[in-house]
Structures are given as structure tokens and as C-alpha cells.
Amino acid sequence: MGQETVDRGPVTGGTGRSAPGLDEVDRRILDELTRDGRISIRTLAERVHVSRTNAYARMERLVRDGAITGFTARVAPEPAGLGTSAYIALTIRQDTWREVSAELAQVRYVEHVALLSGEHDVLALVRAPDNATLRDVVLDRVQRIAGVLSTRSWLVFEEYDGQTSPWA
């Protein structure tokens, strides 16, 4: 198949809310890569029905445009020694979100941080080896960050990934 040209529309700066459009082949590439980030270009091209050159060029563009931000292994937390997971909601002073976010990014065991609208300002996913470590993360590290007014924690009893890729 030949390489299609697609009007990807305007790209806005850094908010993550407006993005260039992806065509069907791009979405299939993302779907395959989220299933297996180690897939070869040859196999990827076969699965999405394009030439290897086209698949390689599209992957390079998706990386360059920021749609693909990296290639990593998905690690199952519990078998890897992180048996306790919790979501921590933070209420912060509104003028400190940049500093709080930067500090949270440095806290060991904080896997993900999201700035929210609503009742709480920040939501962090913490994966720790045990409850004692989780307590230390929340009480000794997170609550001591300047600008954090309060926290609320929810233990995760069980979790699973969705069955359907958003790219399929």
C-alpha cells in the first residue's frame, strides 16, 4: 500500500487536550504497539497492512509528534514486590500546583499524578511494598510537601486493565 497523506489539523501547544488527527493506520499501529511494544517493524507492517518503509516512517512520525512518548515494559506491581496500591487525593493551595507536582514526581513509589478539577486538586497513584511504606509515603513525604493542605487515601483491593484498546 502507498503512504496516505492526511490533514492532521492544527496542533496546539503542550496542553495535551488538542492533538493532531490520527488516521486508521496510525490507530492500528498504536493498538499493536500497546499490545506488544517489542513487535518488529516487519510484523507491525504485516499486521496493519502497510509496507515496512511506511510502518517505519509512521512510527518515527508518531514519536516525533509526541503521540508515542517511549517504549517500556509493563510490570505487574504485586509480583514485582509492590503489593500495596492506593490512590491519594490531595487538596492543595491553588498557587502551589507546579511546586507540588514537581515534588510529587520525586517521591519514591508515586507512579502517576494527575491535576484534577472538582473536590480534590491532585490524584496520585502510589504503589508500595507494604502498608507501612504506604503510610510513610503519605504521612512523611506527601503531607510534608509545602502547599499540601490535606490528603485522602483509598486502598486498591484489586485492579485490572480494560479489555478494549482506545486505538482499536
N, C-alpha and C. Protein backbone atom coordinates (compact mmCIF):
# COMPACT_ATOMS: atom_id res chain seq x y z
N MET A 1 0.84 -1.19 0.00
CA MET A 1 0.00 0.00 0.00
C MET A 1 0.87 1.24 0.00
N GLY A 2 0.39 2.28 -0.57
CA GLY A 2 1.13 3.53 -0.60
C GLY A 2 0.92 4.31 0.68
N GLN A 3 1.76 5.31 0.85
CA GLN A 3 1.64 6.14 2.04
C GLN A 3 0.56 7.18 1.81
N GLU A 4 -0.44 7.21 2.71
CA GLU A 4 -1.52 8.17 2.57
C GLU A 4 -1.09 9.50 3.16
N THR A 5 -1.67 10.57 2.63
CA THR A 5 -1.47 11.88 3.25
C THR A 5 -2.78 12.26 3.90
N VAL A 6 -2.67 12.75 5.11
CA VAL A 6 -3.85 13.08 5.89
C VAL A 6 -3.68 14.47 6.46
N ASP A 7 -4.74 15.28 6.40
CA ASP A 7 -4.70 16.58 7.06
C ASP A 7 -4.86 16.33 8.54
N ARG A 8 -3.83 16.59 9.31
CA ARG A 8 -3.83 16.29 10.72
C ARG A 8 -4.37 17.46 11.56
N GLY A 9 -4.75 18.54 10.93
CA GLY A 9 -5.34 19.65 11.66
C GLY A 9 -4.32 20.39 12.49
N PRO A 10 -4.77 21.43 13.19
CA PRO A 10 -3.85 22.24 13.99
C PRO A 10 -3.36 21.50 15.21
N VAL A 11 -2.16 21.83 15.60
CA VAL A 11 -1.58 21.29 16.83
C VAL A 11 -1.45 22.45 17.79
N THR A 12 -1.97 22.28 19.00
CA THR A 12 -1.83 23.34 19.99
C THR A 12 -0.73 22.97 20.95
N GLY A 13 -0.19 23.95 21.64
CA GLY A 13 0.98 23.73 22.49
C GLY A 13 0.68 23.11 23.82
N GLY A 14 1.33 22.02 24.15
CA GLY A 14 1.55 21.43 25.43
C GLY A 14 0.41 21.13 26.36
N THR A 15 -0.83 21.38 26.04
CA THR A 15 -1.90 21.13 26.99
C THR A 15 -2.32 19.68 27.03
N GLY A 16 -2.06 18.95 25.94
CA GLY A 16 -2.48 17.57 25.88
C GLY A 16 -3.95 17.42 25.55
N ARG A 17 -4.65 18.50 25.29
CA ARG A 17 -6.07 18.42 25.02
C ARG A 17 -6.39 18.52 23.53
N SER A 18 -5.53 19.12 22.75
CA SER A 18 -5.72 19.16 21.30
C SER A 18 -4.53 18.48 20.68
N ALA A 19 -4.78 17.60 19.75
CA ALA A 19 -3.71 16.83 19.16
C ALA A 19 -3.96 16.67 17.67
N PRO A 20 -2.91 16.40 16.94
CA PRO A 20 -3.10 16.17 15.51
C PRO A 20 -3.96 14.93 15.32
N GLY A 21 -4.73 14.91 14.24
CA GLY A 21 -5.57 13.77 13.96
C GLY A 21 -4.75 12.56 13.57
N LEU A 22 -5.24 11.40 13.92
CA LEU A 22 -4.61 10.15 13.53
C LEU A 22 -5.53 9.44 12.56
N ASP A 23 -4.94 8.88 11.51
CA ASP A 23 -5.78 8.11 10.59
C ASP A 23 -5.89 6.67 11.08
N GLU A 24 -6.62 5.87 10.35
CA GLU A 24 -6.88 4.49 10.75
C GLU A 24 -5.60 3.68 10.89
N VAL A 25 -4.64 3.88 10.00
CA VAL A 25 -3.38 3.13 10.07
C VAL A 25 -2.60 3.54 11.32
N ASP A 26 -2.55 4.83 11.62
CA ASP A 26 -1.88 5.29 12.85
C ASP A 26 -2.51 4.63 14.07
N ARG A 27 -3.84 4.59 14.12
CA ARG A 27 -4.53 3.99 15.26
C ARG A 27 -4.23 2.50 15.37
N ARG A 28 -4.16 1.82 14.24
CA ARG A 28 -3.84 0.39 14.27
C ARG A 28 -2.40 0.18 14.74
N ILE A 29 -1.49 1.06 14.32
CA ILE A 29 -0.10 0.98 14.80
C ILE A 29 -0.05 1.15 16.31
N LEU A 30 -0.75 2.16 16.84
CA LEU A 30 -0.77 2.37 18.29
C LEU A 30 -1.39 1.18 19.00
N ASP A 31 -2.43 0.61 18.44
CA ASP A 31 -3.06 -0.56 19.05
C ASP A 31 -2.07 -1.72 19.12
N GLU A 32 -1.38 -1.99 18.04
CA GLU A 32 -0.40 -3.09 18.03
C GLU A 32 0.73 -2.83 19.00
N LEU A 33 1.23 -1.59 19.06
CA LEU A 33 2.34 -1.27 19.95
C LEU A 33 1.94 -1.33 21.42
N THR A 34 0.69 -1.00 21.74
CA THR A 34 0.26 -1.11 23.14
C THR A 34 0.09 -2.57 23.53
N ARG A 35 -0.20 -3.43 22.57
CA ARG A 35 -0.27 -4.87 22.86
C ARG A 35 1.12 -5.47 23.03
N ASP A 36 2.07 -5.02 22.19
CA ASP A 36 3.42 -5.57 22.21
C ASP A 36 4.40 -4.51 21.75
N GLY A 37 5.02 -3.81 22.69
CA GLY A 37 5.98 -2.77 22.36
C GLY A 37 7.27 -3.29 21.76
N ARG A 38 7.47 -4.60 21.78
CA ARG A 38 8.67 -5.20 21.22
C ARG A 38 8.46 -5.75 19.81
N ILE A 39 7.29 -5.49 19.24
CA ILE A 39 6.98 -6.00 17.92
C ILE A 39 7.98 -5.47 16.90
N SER A 40 8.37 -6.31 15.96
CA SER A 40 9.30 -5.87 14.92
C SER A 40 8.56 -5.01 13.90
N ILE A 41 9.30 -4.17 13.21
CA ILE A 41 8.70 -3.33 12.17
C ILE A 41 8.07 -4.22 11.10
N ARG A 42 8.73 -5.31 10.76
CA ARG A 42 8.20 -6.21 9.74
C ARG A 42 6.84 -6.77 10.16
N THR A 43 6.74 -7.27 11.39
CA THR A 43 5.48 -7.82 11.87
C THR A 43 4.43 -6.73 12.00
N LEU A 44 4.83 -5.57 12.49
CA LEU A 44 3.90 -4.43 12.60
C LEU A 44 3.33 -4.09 11.23
N ALA A 45 4.19 -3.98 10.23
CA ALA A 45 3.75 -3.65 8.87
C ALA A 45 2.77 -4.70 8.35
N GLU A 46 3.06 -5.97 8.59
CA GLU A 46 2.16 -7.04 8.15
C GLU A 46 0.80 -6.93 8.83
N ARG A 47 0.81 -6.65 10.13
CA ARG A 47 -0.46 -6.61 10.88
C ARG A 47 -1.33 -5.42 10.51
N VAL A 48 -0.71 -4.29 10.14
CA VAL A 48 -1.51 -3.10 9.79
C VAL A 48 -1.63 -2.92 8.28
N HIS A 49 -1.06 -3.87 7.53
CA HIS A 49 -1.21 -3.92 6.07
C HIS A 49 -0.62 -2.71 5.35
N VAL A 50 0.63 -2.38 5.73
CA VAL A 50 1.39 -1.35 5.03
C VAL A 50 2.80 -1.89 4.79
N SER A 51 3.56 -1.18 3.97
CA SER A 51 4.94 -1.60 3.73
C SER A 51 5.78 -1.35 4.98
N ARG A 52 6.91 -2.02 5.06
CA ARG A 52 7.82 -1.79 6.19
C ARG A 52 8.29 -0.34 6.21
N THR A 53 8.57 0.21 5.05
CA THR A 53 9.01 1.61 4.96
C THR A 53 7.94 2.54 5.51
N ASN A 54 6.70 2.29 5.12
CA ASN A 54 5.58 3.11 5.59
C ASN A 54 5.41 2.96 7.11
N ALA A 55 5.47 1.72 7.61
CA ALA A 55 5.32 1.49 9.05
C ALA A 55 6.43 2.20 9.81
N TYR A 56 7.66 2.10 9.32
CA TYR A 56 8.79 2.76 9.99
C TYR A 56 8.61 4.28 9.98
N ALA A 57 8.24 4.83 8.83
CA ALA A 57 8.05 6.29 8.72
C ALA A 57 6.93 6.76 9.65
N ARG A 58 5.86 6.02 9.70
CA ARG A 58 4.75 6.40 10.57
C ARG A 58 5.15 6.33 12.04
N MET A 59 5.87 5.27 12.41
CA MET A 59 6.31 5.16 13.80
C MET A 59 7.23 6.31 14.16
N GLU A 60 8.16 6.64 13.27
CA GLU A 60 9.07 7.78 13.51
C GLU A 60 8.29 9.07 13.68
N ARG A 61 7.25 9.29 12.84
CA ARG A 61 6.44 10.50 12.94
C ARG A 61 5.65 10.51 14.25
N LEU A 62 5.09 9.37 14.63
CA LEU A 62 4.33 9.30 15.88
C LEU A 62 5.23 9.61 17.09
N VAL A 63 6.48 9.18 17.03
CA VAL A 63 7.44 9.50 18.10
C VAL A 63 7.79 10.99 18.04
N ARG A 64 8.12 11.48 16.86
CA ARG A 64 8.50 12.89 16.69
C ARG A 64 7.37 13.83 17.12
N ASP A 65 6.12 13.48 16.79
CA ASP A 65 4.98 14.33 17.12
C ASP A 65 4.52 14.18 18.57
N GLY A 66 5.13 13.24 19.30
CA GLY A 66 4.79 13.08 20.71
C GLY A 66 3.62 12.14 20.99
N ALA A 67 3.06 11.51 19.95
CA ALA A 67 1.97 10.55 20.19
C ALA A 67 2.52 9.32 20.90
N ILE A 68 3.73 8.93 20.55
CA ILE A 68 4.43 7.85 21.25
C ILE A 68 5.53 8.52 22.07
N THR A 69 5.49 8.32 23.37
CA THR A 69 6.45 9.00 24.25
C THR A 69 7.58 8.10 24.71
N GLY A 70 7.52 6.83 24.37
CA GLY A 70 8.58 5.93 24.76
C GLY A 70 8.13 4.50 24.67
N PHE A 71 9.06 3.60 24.92
CA PHE A 71 8.79 2.17 24.88
C PHE A 71 9.26 1.59 26.20
N THR A 72 8.34 0.96 26.93
CA THR A 72 8.67 0.44 28.25
C THR A 72 8.04 -0.93 28.45
N ALA A 73 8.47 -1.60 29.48
CA ALA A 73 7.85 -2.86 29.89
C ALA A 73 6.70 -2.55 30.84
N ARG A 74 5.63 -3.31 30.74
CA ARG A 74 4.55 -3.21 31.72
C ARG A 74 4.86 -4.19 32.83
N VAL A 75 4.97 -3.68 34.03
CA VAL A 75 5.36 -4.50 35.17
C VAL A 75 4.15 -4.73 36.06
N ALA A 76 3.90 -5.97 36.42
CA ALA A 76 2.82 -6.29 37.35
C ALA A 76 3.31 -5.93 38.75
N PRO A 77 2.67 -4.98 39.42
CA PRO A 77 3.19 -4.47 40.70
C PRO A 77 3.39 -5.54 41.77
N GLU A 78 2.39 -6.37 42.00
CA GLU A 78 2.47 -7.32 43.11
C GLU A 78 3.60 -8.33 42.95
N PRO A 79 3.72 -9.03 41.81
CA PRO A 79 4.84 -9.96 41.66
C PRO A 79 6.20 -9.26 41.69
N ALA A 80 6.20 -7.95 41.40
CA ALA A 80 7.45 -7.18 41.41
C ALA A 80 7.75 -6.60 42.79
N GLY A 81 6.97 -6.96 43.81
CA GLY A 81 7.26 -6.53 45.17
C GLY A 81 6.52 -5.30 45.64
N LEU A 82 5.56 -4.83 44.86
CA LEU A 82 4.77 -3.66 45.26
C LEU A 82 3.33 -4.10 45.51
N GLY A 83 3.11 -4.72 46.67
CA GLY A 83 1.85 -5.37 46.97
C GLY A 83 0.75 -4.46 47.50
N THR A 84 1.04 -3.21 47.78
CA THR A 84 0.04 -2.28 48.30
C THR A 84 -0.08 -1.10 47.35
N SER A 85 -1.28 -0.87 46.87
CA SER A 85 -1.54 0.26 45.99
C SER A 85 -2.65 1.11 46.58
N ALA A 86 -2.56 2.42 46.36
CA ALA A 86 -3.59 3.33 46.85
C ALA A 86 -3.64 4.56 45.96
N TYR A 87 -4.82 5.12 45.85
CA TYR A 87 -4.98 6.43 45.23
C TYR A 87 -5.01 7.44 46.35
N ILE A 88 -4.24 8.49 46.20
CA ILE A 88 -4.16 9.54 47.21
C ILE A 88 -4.67 10.83 46.57
N ALA A 89 -5.75 11.37 47.12
CA ALA A 89 -6.28 12.65 46.65
C ALA A 89 -5.70 13.75 47.52
N LEU A 90 -5.20 14.79 46.89
CA LEU A 90 -4.60 15.91 47.62
C LEU A 90 -5.42 17.17 47.39
N THR A 91 -5.62 17.91 48.44
CA THR A 91 -6.14 19.27 48.35
C THR A 91 -4.94 20.17 48.60
N ILE A 92 -4.71 21.11 47.69
CA ILE A 92 -3.51 21.95 47.77
C ILE A 92 -3.89 23.42 47.69
N ARG A 93 -2.95 24.27 48.12
CA ARG A 93 -3.11 25.71 47.89
C ARG A 93 -3.03 25.92 46.39
N GLN A 94 -3.98 26.64 45.82
CA GLN A 94 -4.10 26.77 44.37
C GLN A 94 -2.86 27.36 43.70
N ASP A 95 -2.14 28.19 44.38
CA ASP A 95 -0.97 28.82 43.75
C ASP A 95 0.29 27.97 43.85
N THR A 96 0.18 26.71 44.32
CA THR A 96 1.36 25.87 44.50
C THR A 96 1.37 24.61 43.64
N TRP A 97 0.45 24.49 42.69
CA TRP A 97 0.34 23.23 41.97
C TRP A 97 1.60 22.86 41.21
N ARG A 98 2.32 23.82 40.66
CA ARG A 98 3.56 23.49 39.95
C ARG A 98 4.61 22.92 40.90
N GLU A 99 4.77 23.56 42.04
CA GLU A 99 5.74 23.09 43.03
C GLU A 99 5.34 21.74 43.61
N VAL A 100 4.04 21.58 43.92
CA VAL A 100 3.56 20.31 44.46
C VAL A 100 3.77 19.20 43.44
N SER A 101 3.45 19.45 42.19
CA SER A 101 3.63 18.45 41.14
C SER A 101 5.09 18.05 41.00
N ALA A 102 5.97 19.04 41.03
CA ALA A 102 7.41 18.75 40.92
C ALA A 102 7.90 17.92 42.10
N GLU A 103 7.43 18.22 43.29
CA GLU A 103 7.81 17.45 44.47
C GLU A 103 7.27 16.03 44.42
N LEU A 104 6.00 15.90 44.03
CA LEU A 104 5.40 14.56 43.94
C LEU A 104 6.15 13.67 42.95
N ALA A 105 6.63 14.26 41.87
CA ALA A 105 7.37 13.50 40.87
C ALA A 105 8.66 12.90 41.44
N GLN A 106 9.14 13.44 42.55
CA GLN A 106 10.38 12.97 43.17
C GLN A 106 10.14 11.97 44.30
N VAL A 107 8.89 11.73 44.65
CA VAL A 107 8.57 10.83 45.77
C VAL A 107 8.61 9.39 45.27
N ARG A 108 9.46 8.58 45.91
CA ARG A 108 9.53 7.17 45.55
C ARG A 108 8.18 6.51 45.79
N TYR A 109 7.80 5.64 44.90
CA TYR A 109 6.56 4.86 44.91
C TYR A 109 5.37 5.61 44.34
N VAL A 110 5.49 6.88 43.99
CA VAL A 110 4.41 7.59 43.31
C VAL A 110 4.54 7.25 41.82
N GLU A 111 3.55 6.54 41.31
CA GLU A 111 3.62 6.08 39.92
C GLU A 111 3.00 7.07 38.94
N HIS A 112 1.94 7.74 39.35
CA HIS A 112 1.20 8.61 38.43
C HIS A 112 0.60 9.76 39.22
N VAL A 113 0.59 10.94 38.61
CA VAL A 113 -0.01 12.12 39.23
C VAL A 113 -0.88 12.81 38.20
N ALA A 114 -2.08 13.22 38.61
CA ALA A 114 -3.00 13.93 37.72
C ALA A 114 -3.53 15.17 38.43
N LEU A 115 -3.53 16.30 37.73
CA LEU A 115 -4.15 17.53 38.22
C LEU A 115 -5.62 17.46 37.85
N LEU A 116 -6.50 17.69 38.81
CA LEU A 116 -7.94 17.49 38.63
C LEU A 116 -8.73 18.77 38.79
N SER A 117 -9.97 18.71 38.32
CA SER A 117 -10.96 19.70 38.72
C SER A 117 -11.91 18.96 39.66
N GLY A 118 -12.58 19.67 40.50
CA GLY A 118 -13.54 19.02 41.39
C GLY A 118 -13.15 19.15 42.85
N GLU A 119 -13.60 18.20 43.63
CA GLU A 119 -13.42 18.24 45.09
C GLU A 119 -11.95 18.24 45.50
N HIS A 120 -11.13 17.46 44.82
CA HIS A 120 -9.70 17.39 45.12
C HIS A 120 -8.91 17.98 43.96
N ASP A 121 -7.69 18.40 44.24
CA ASP A 121 -6.89 19.07 43.23
C ASP A 121 -5.93 18.15 42.50
N VAL A 122 -5.44 17.13 43.19
CA VAL A 122 -4.44 16.23 42.63
C VAL A 122 -4.80 14.81 43.02
N LEU A 123 -4.58 13.87 42.11
CA LEU A 123 -4.75 12.45 42.40
C LEU A 123 -3.45 11.76 42.07
N ALA A 124 -2.93 11.00 43.03
CA ALA A 124 -1.67 10.28 42.84
C ALA A 124 -1.90 8.79 43.06
N LEU A 125 -1.30 7.99 42.19
CA LEU A 125 -1.31 6.54 42.37
C LEU A 125 0.01 6.15 43.02
N VAL A 126 -0.09 5.53 44.18
CA VAL A 126 1.10 5.10 44.93
C VAL A 126 1.12 3.59 44.96
N ARG A 127 2.27 3.00 44.61
CA ARG A 127 2.47 1.55 44.70
C ARG A 127 3.66 1.31 45.62
N ALA A 128 3.40 0.66 46.74
CA ALA A 128 4.43 0.46 47.76
C ALA A 128 4.54 -1.02 48.11
N PRO A 129 5.65 -1.40 48.74
CA PRO A 129 5.81 -2.81 49.11
C PRO A 129 4.81 -3.28 50.16
N ASP A 130 4.40 -2.38 51.07
CA ASP A 130 3.53 -2.79 52.16
C ASP A 130 2.82 -1.58 52.74
N ASN A 131 1.91 -1.82 53.69
CA ASN A 131 1.14 -0.72 54.29
C ASN A 131 2.02 0.25 55.07
N ALA A 132 3.05 -0.25 55.73
CA ALA A 132 3.93 0.64 56.49
C ALA A 132 4.63 1.62 55.56
N THR A 133 5.09 1.14 54.43
CA THR A 133 5.75 2.04 53.47
C THR A 133 4.74 3.03 52.90
N LEU A 134 3.53 2.56 52.60
CA LEU A 134 2.48 3.46 52.11
C LEU A 134 2.21 4.57 53.13
N ARG A 135 2.11 4.19 54.40
CA ARG A 135 1.89 5.18 55.46
C ARG A 135 3.01 6.22 55.46
N ASP A 136 4.26 5.76 55.34
CA ASP A 136 5.38 6.69 55.33
C ASP A 136 5.34 7.62 54.11
N VAL A 137 4.97 7.06 52.97
CA VAL A 137 4.87 7.90 51.76
C VAL A 137 3.85 9.00 51.98
N VAL A 138 2.67 8.62 52.46
CA VAL A 138 1.60 9.61 52.63
C VAL A 138 1.88 10.58 53.76
N LEU A 139 2.21 10.06 54.95
CA LEU A 139 2.35 10.91 56.13
C LEU A 139 3.69 11.64 56.20
N ASP A 140 4.77 10.98 55.77
CA ASP A 140 6.09 11.59 55.91
C ASP A 140 6.54 12.35 54.66
N ARG A 141 6.12 11.91 53.50
CA ARG A 141 6.60 12.57 52.29
C ARG A 141 5.55 13.51 51.69
N VAL A 142 4.38 12.98 51.37
CA VAL A 142 3.37 13.76 50.65
C VAL A 142 2.80 14.88 51.52
N GLN A 143 2.40 14.58 52.75
CA GLN A 143 1.78 15.61 53.59
C GLN A 143 2.76 16.69 54.02
N ARG A 144 4.04 16.44 53.90
CA ARG A 144 5.03 17.46 54.26
C ARG A 144 5.41 18.37 53.10
N ILE A 145 4.87 18.13 51.92
CA ILE A 145 5.16 18.99 50.78
C ILE A 145 4.47 20.34 51.00
N ALA A 146 5.23 21.41 50.87
CA ALA A 146 4.66 22.75 51.03
C ALA A 146 3.53 22.94 50.03
N GLY A 147 2.40 23.40 50.51
CA GLY A 147 1.24 23.63 49.66
C GLY A 147 0.18 22.56 49.78
N VAL A 148 0.54 21.38 50.32
CA VAL A 148 -0.45 20.31 50.52
C VAL A 148 -1.24 20.62 51.78
N LEU A 149 -2.54 20.80 51.63
CA LEU A 149 -3.41 21.13 52.75
C LEU A 149 -3.98 19.88 53.41
N SER A 150 -4.34 18.87 52.59
CA SER A 150 -4.89 17.62 53.14
C SER A 150 -4.76 16.51 52.11
N THR A 151 -4.87 15.28 52.61
CA THR A 151 -4.87 14.11 51.73
C THR A 151 -6.02 13.19 52.11
N ARG A 152 -6.42 12.38 51.17
CA ARG A 152 -7.41 11.34 51.42
C ARG A 152 -6.97 10.13 50.63
N SER A 153 -6.95 8.96 51.26
CA SER A 153 -6.40 7.76 50.63
C SER A 153 -7.48 6.70 50.43
N TRP A 154 -7.36 5.99 49.30
CA TRP A 154 -8.22 4.85 49.00
C TRP A 154 -7.32 3.67 48.65
N LEU A 155 -7.38 2.60 49.45
CA LEU A 155 -6.61 1.39 49.15
C LEU A 155 -7.23 0.69 47.94
N VAL A 156 -6.38 0.14 47.10
CA VAL A 156 -6.83 -0.63 45.95
C VAL A 156 -6.83 -2.10 46.35
N PHE A 157 -7.98 -2.74 46.30
CA PHE A 157 -8.08 -4.16 46.64
C PHE A 157 -7.77 -5.05 45.44
N GLU A 158 -8.20 -4.62 44.27
CA GLU A 158 -7.97 -5.39 43.05
C GLU A 158 -8.04 -4.42 41.89
N GLU A 159 -7.29 -4.72 40.83
CA GLU A 159 -7.33 -3.86 39.65
C GLU A 159 -7.12 -4.69 38.40
N TYR A 160 -7.56 -4.14 37.30
CA TYR A 160 -7.40 -4.80 36.01
C TYR A 160 -7.42 -3.75 34.92
N ASP A 161 -6.84 -4.09 33.79
CA ASP A 161 -6.86 -3.21 32.62
C ASP A 161 -8.13 -3.46 31.84
N GLY A 162 -8.58 -2.43 31.12
CA GLY A 162 -9.74 -2.59 30.26
C GLY A 162 -9.46 -3.58 29.14
N GLN A 163 -10.49 -4.13 28.60
CA GLN A 163 -10.37 -5.14 27.54
C GLN A 163 -10.18 -4.56 26.16
N THR A 164 -10.56 -3.29 25.97
CA THR A 164 -10.56 -2.71 24.64
C THR A 164 -9.56 -1.56 24.57
N SER A 165 -8.73 -1.61 23.56
CA SER A 165 -7.77 -0.53 23.32
C SER A 165 -8.51 0.68 22.78
N PRO A 166 -8.15 1.89 23.20
CA PRO A 166 -8.79 3.08 22.62
C PRO A 166 -8.36 3.28 21.16
N TRP A 167 -7.36 2.54 20.71
CA TRP A 167 -6.86 2.71 19.34
C TRP A 167 -7.47 1.71 18.38
N ALA A 168 -8.17 0.72 18.91
CA ALA A 168 -8.73 -0.33 18.04
C ALA A 168 -9.92 0.17 17.26
